[in-house]
Amino acid sequence: MNSSGIYWSGGYVTFKNIIQFYNVNDLTISPFKRNLTIRFNNYLKMEFNSLYWFTLPGFVLCSGGLYIGLGLLRTFYLDGSLAFKPTVLMVILTVIGAGMTFTGILLHSISGLLQHLRE
């Protein structure tokens, strides 16, 4: 599609043609197939960047669980009572965070090995 645009440059009005390109091939693919393609591309990004997708969020979750655990330990030491919900939250965050962290490290090692074997 060609159209002309008006640009102001140095006190004069200049006309320039603006050409827009549309990717017609993406418009003809069914939405289901396009959705699968996008998900597969995201999976490939996750495969080779597993440290960012698993290890960092896992470390944050595990750190949050340990922080809550230290607060519960202080409360238990001073008062002698332990609340149930924060304890369960602490255990869940710590276990899921540790699992995600180790999964990210393992996936990073495996993806590095696969990249080394492909070369």
C-alpha atoms as a PDB file:
ATOM      1  CA  MET A   1       0.000   0.000   0.000  1.00  0.00           C
ATOM      2  CA  ASN A   2       1.528   3.298  -1.031  1.00  0.00           C
ATOM      3  CA  SER A   3       0.635   6.563   0.594  1.00  0.00           C
ATOM      4  CA  SER A   4       2.347   9.865   0.912  1.00  0.00           C
ATOM      5  CA  GLY A   5       3.388  11.459   4.171  1.00  0.00           C
ATOM      6  CA  ILE A   6       4.059  15.087   4.969  1.00  0.00           C
ATOM      7  CA  TYR A   7       7.275  15.868   6.811  1.00  0.00           C
ATOM      8  CA  TRP A   8       8.358  19.247   8.120  1.00  0.00           C
ATOM      9  CA  SER A   9      12.051  19.782   7.515  1.00  0.00           C
ATOM     10  CA  GLY A  10      13.756  23.138   7.748  1.00  0.00           C
ATOM     11  CA  GLY A  11      10.691  25.239   6.972  1.00  0.00           C
ATOM     12  CA  TYR A  12       9.751  23.313   3.824  1.00  0.00           C
ATOM     13  CA  VAL A  13       7.111  20.669   3.435  1.00  0.00           C
ATOM     14  CA  THR A  14       8.490  17.547   1.781  1.00  0.00           C
ATOM     15  CA  PHE A  15       6.442  14.624   0.536  1.00  0.00           C
ATOM     16  CA  LYS A  16       7.802  11.115   0.892  1.00  0.00           C
ATOM     17  CA  ASN A  17       6.224   7.839  -0.132  1.00  0.00           C
ATOM     18  CA  ILE A  18       5.510   5.480   2.707  1.00  0.00           C
ATOM     19  CA  ILE A  19       5.479   1.811   1.792  1.00  0.00           C
ATOM     20  CA  GLN A  20       3.927  -0.672   4.169  1.00  0.00           C
ATOM     21  CA  PHE A  21       4.562  -4.379   3.887  1.00  0.00           C
ATOM     22  CA  TYR A  22       2.233  -6.989   5.280  1.00  0.00           C
ATOM     23  CA  ASN A  23       3.247 -10.573   5.859  1.00  0.00           C
ATOM     24  CA  VAL A  24       0.498 -12.322   3.923  1.00  0.00           C
ATOM     25  CA  ASN A  25       1.716 -15.800   4.864  1.00  0.00           C
ATOM     26  CA  ASP A  26       0.920 -15.260   8.558  1.00  0.00           C
ATOM     27  CA  LEU A  27      -2.614 -14.219   7.695  1.00  0.00           C
ATOM     28  CA  THR A  28      -3.327 -17.434   5.781  1.00  0.00           C
ATOM     29  CA  ILE A  29      -2.221 -19.789   8.580  1.00  0.00           C
ATOM     30  CA  SER A  30      -5.013 -21.048  10.798  1.00  0.00           C
ATOM     31  CA  PRO A  31      -5.034 -19.551  14.313  1.00  0.00           C
ATOM     32  CA  PHE A  32      -4.571 -22.989  15.864  1.00  0.00           C
ATOM     33  CA  LYS A  33      -1.451 -23.722  13.818  1.00  0.00           C
ATOM     34  CA  ARG A  34      -0.071 -20.227  14.455  1.00  0.00           C
ATOM     35  CA  ASN A  35      -0.647 -20.633  18.199  1.00  0.00           C
ATOM     36  CA  LEU A  36       1.250 -23.932  18.178  1.00  0.00           C
ATOM     37  CA  THR A  37       4.110 -22.310  16.258  1.00  0.00           C
ATOM     38  CA  ILE A  38       4.367 -19.484  18.784  1.00  0.00           C
ATOM     39  CA  ARG A  39       4.298 -21.933  21.710  1.00  0.00           C
ATOM     40  CA  PHE A  40       6.986 -24.098  20.107  1.00  0.00           C
ATOM     41  CA  ASN A  41       9.199 -21.051  19.529  1.00  0.00           C
ATOM     42  CA  ASN A  42       8.756 -20.047  23.177  1.00  0.00           C
ATOM     43  CA  TYR A  43       9.682 -23.598  24.193  1.00  0.00           C
ATOM     44  CA  LEU A  44      12.886 -23.364  22.156  1.00  0.00           C
ATOM     45  CA  LYS A  45      13.717 -20.065  23.864  1.00  0.00           C
ATOM     46  CA  MET A  46      13.115 -21.686  27.250  1.00  0.00           C
ATOM     47  CA  GLU A  47      15.272 -24.675  26.336  1.00  0.00           C
ATOM     48  CA  PHE A  48      18.414 -22.647  25.856  1.00  0.00           C
ATOM     49  CA  ASN A  49      17.727 -19.994  28.530  1.00  0.00           C
ATOM     50  CA  SER A  50      16.669 -22.309  31.338  1.00  0.00           C
ATOM     51  CA  LEU A  51      18.741 -20.422  33.889  1.00  0.00           C
ATOM     52  CA  TYR A  52      16.535 -17.368  33.422  1.00  0.00           C
ATOM     53  CA  TRP A  53      13.235 -19.239  33.228  1.00  0.00           C
ATOM     54  CA  PHE A  54      13.698 -21.727  36.082  1.00  0.00           C
ATOM     55  CA  THR A  55      16.710 -21.007  38.254  1.00  0.00           C
ATOM     56  CA  LEU A  56      16.160 -17.324  39.022  1.00  0.00           C
ATOM     57  CA  PRO A  57      12.437 -17.618  39.925  1.00  0.00           C
ATOM     58  CA  GLY A  58      13.201 -20.799  41.870  1.00  0.00           C
ATOM     59  CA  PHE A  59      15.937 -19.021  43.811  1.00  0.00           C
ATOM     60  CA  VAL A  60      13.568 -16.146  44.585  1.00  0.00           C
ATOM     61  CA  LEU A  61      10.861 -18.553  45.801  1.00  0.00           C
ATOM     62  CA  CYS A  62      13.319 -20.534  47.904  1.00  0.00           C
ATOM     63  CA  SER A  63      14.769 -17.340  49.400  1.00  0.00           C
ATOM     64  CA  GLY A  64      11.258 -16.128  50.253  1.00  0.00           C
ATOM     65  CA  GLY A  65      10.495 -19.449  51.925  1.00  0.00           C
ATOM     66  CA  LEU A  66      13.683 -19.314  53.954  1.00  0.00           C
ATOM     67  CA  TYR A  67      12.964 -15.711  54.953  1.00  0.00           C
ATOM     68  CA  ILE A  68       9.498 -16.696  56.172  1.00  0.00           C
ATOM     69  CA  GLY A  69      11.077 -19.676  57.945  1.00  0.00           C
ATOM     70  CA  LEU A  70      13.529 -17.471  59.815  1.00  0.00           C
ATOM     71  CA  GLY A  71      10.667 -15.212  60.895  1.00  0.00           C
ATOM     72  CA  LEU A  72       8.714 -18.253  62.096  1.00  0.00           C
ATOM     73  CA  LEU A  73      11.753 -19.566  63.948  1.00  0.00           C
ATOM     74  CA  ARG A  74      12.164 -16.231  65.720  1.00  0.00           C
ATOM     75  CA  THR A  75       8.465 -16.166  66.626  1.00  0.00           C
ATOM     76  CA  PHE A  76       8.590 -19.758  67.864  1.00  0.00           C
ATOM     77  CA  TYR A  77      11.685 -19.061  69.942  1.00  0.00           C
ATOM     78  CA  LEU A  78      10.162 -15.974  71.590  1.00  0.00           C
ATOM     79  CA  ASP A  79       6.505 -17.037  71.994  1.00  0.00           C
ATOM     80  CA  GLY A  80       6.547 -20.817  71.767  1.00  0.00           C
ATOM     81  CA  SER A  81       3.602 -20.905  69.323  1.00  0.00           C
ATOM     82  CA  LEU A  82       3.680 -21.616  65.596  1.00  0.00           C
ATOM     83  CA  ALA A  83       1.040 -20.494  63.085  1.00  0.00           C
ATOM     84  CA  PHE A  84      -0.103 -23.161  60.618  1.00  0.00           C
ATOM     85  CA  LYS A  85      -0.642 -21.177  57.396  1.00  0.00           C
ATOM     86  CA  PRO A  86       2.729 -19.376  57.307  1.00  0.00           C
ATOM     87  CA  THR A  87       4.448 -22.677  58.105  1.00  0.00           C
ATOM     88  CA  VAL A  88       2.753 -24.429  55.198  1.00  0.00           C
ATOM     89  CA  LEU A  89       3.519 -21.466  52.924  1.00  0.00           C
ATOM     90  CA  MET A  90       7.162 -21.584  53.992  1.00  0.00           C
ATOM     91  CA  VAL A  91       7.438 -25.298  53.267  1.00  0.00           C
ATOM     92  CA  ILE A  92       5.703 -25.008  49.884  1.00  0.00           C
ATOM     93  CA  LEU A  93       7.810 -22.042  48.753  1.00  0.00           C
ATOM     94  CA  THR A  94      11.046 -23.667  49.854  1.00  0.00           C
ATOM     95  CA  VAL A  95      10.329 -27.036  48.237  1.00  0.00           C
ATOM     96  CA  ILE A  96       9.035 -25.597  44.952  1.00  0.00           C
ATOM     97  CA  GLY A  97      11.847 -23.047  44.816  1.00  0.00           C
ATOM     98  CA  ALA A  98      14.544 -25.647  45.439  1.00  0.00           C
ATOM     99  CA  GLY A  99      13.003 -27.935  42.826  1.00  0.00           C
ATOM    100  CA  MET A 100      12.850 -25.153  40.250  1.00  0.00           C
ATOM    101  CA  THR A 101      16.428 -24.108  41.002  1.00  0.00           C
ATOM    102  CA  PHE A 102      17.838 -27.601  40.562  1.00  0.00           C
ATOM    103  CA  THR A 103      15.681 -28.177  37.471  1.00  0.00           C
ATOM    104  CA  GLY A 104      17.040 -24.990  35.911  1.00  0.00           C
ATOM    105  CA  ILE A 105      20.618 -25.989  36.637  1.00  0.00           C
ATOM    106  CA  LEU A 106      20.077 -29.469  35.178  1.00  0.00           C
ATOM    107  CA  LEU A 107      18.308 -28.126  32.078  1.00  0.00           C
ATOM    108  CA  HIS A 108      21.069 -25.592  31.553  1.00  0.00           C
ATOM    109  CA  SER A 109      23.662 -28.357  31.734  1.00  0.00           C
ATOM    110  CA  ILE A 110      21.709 -30.587  29.345  1.00  0.00           C
ATOM    111  CA  SER A 111      21.122 -27.760  26.847  1.00  0.00           C
ATOM    112  CA  GLY A 112      24.831 -26.889  26.968  1.00  0.00           C
ATOM    113  CA  LEU A 113      25.651 -30.529  26.265  1.00  0.00           C
ATOM    114  CA  LEU A 114      23.189 -30.612  23.350  1.00  0.00           C
ATOM    115  CA  GLN A 115      24.652 -27.433  21.880  1.00  0.00           C
ATOM    116  CA  HIS A 116      28.135 -28.881  22.228  1.00  0.00           C
ATOM    117  CA  LEU A 117      27.055 -32.092  20.458  1.00  0.00           C
ATOM    118  CA  ARG A 118      25.412 -30.136  17.610  1.00  0.00           C
ATOM    119  CA  GLU A 119      28.681 -28.338  16.800  1.00  0.00           C
END
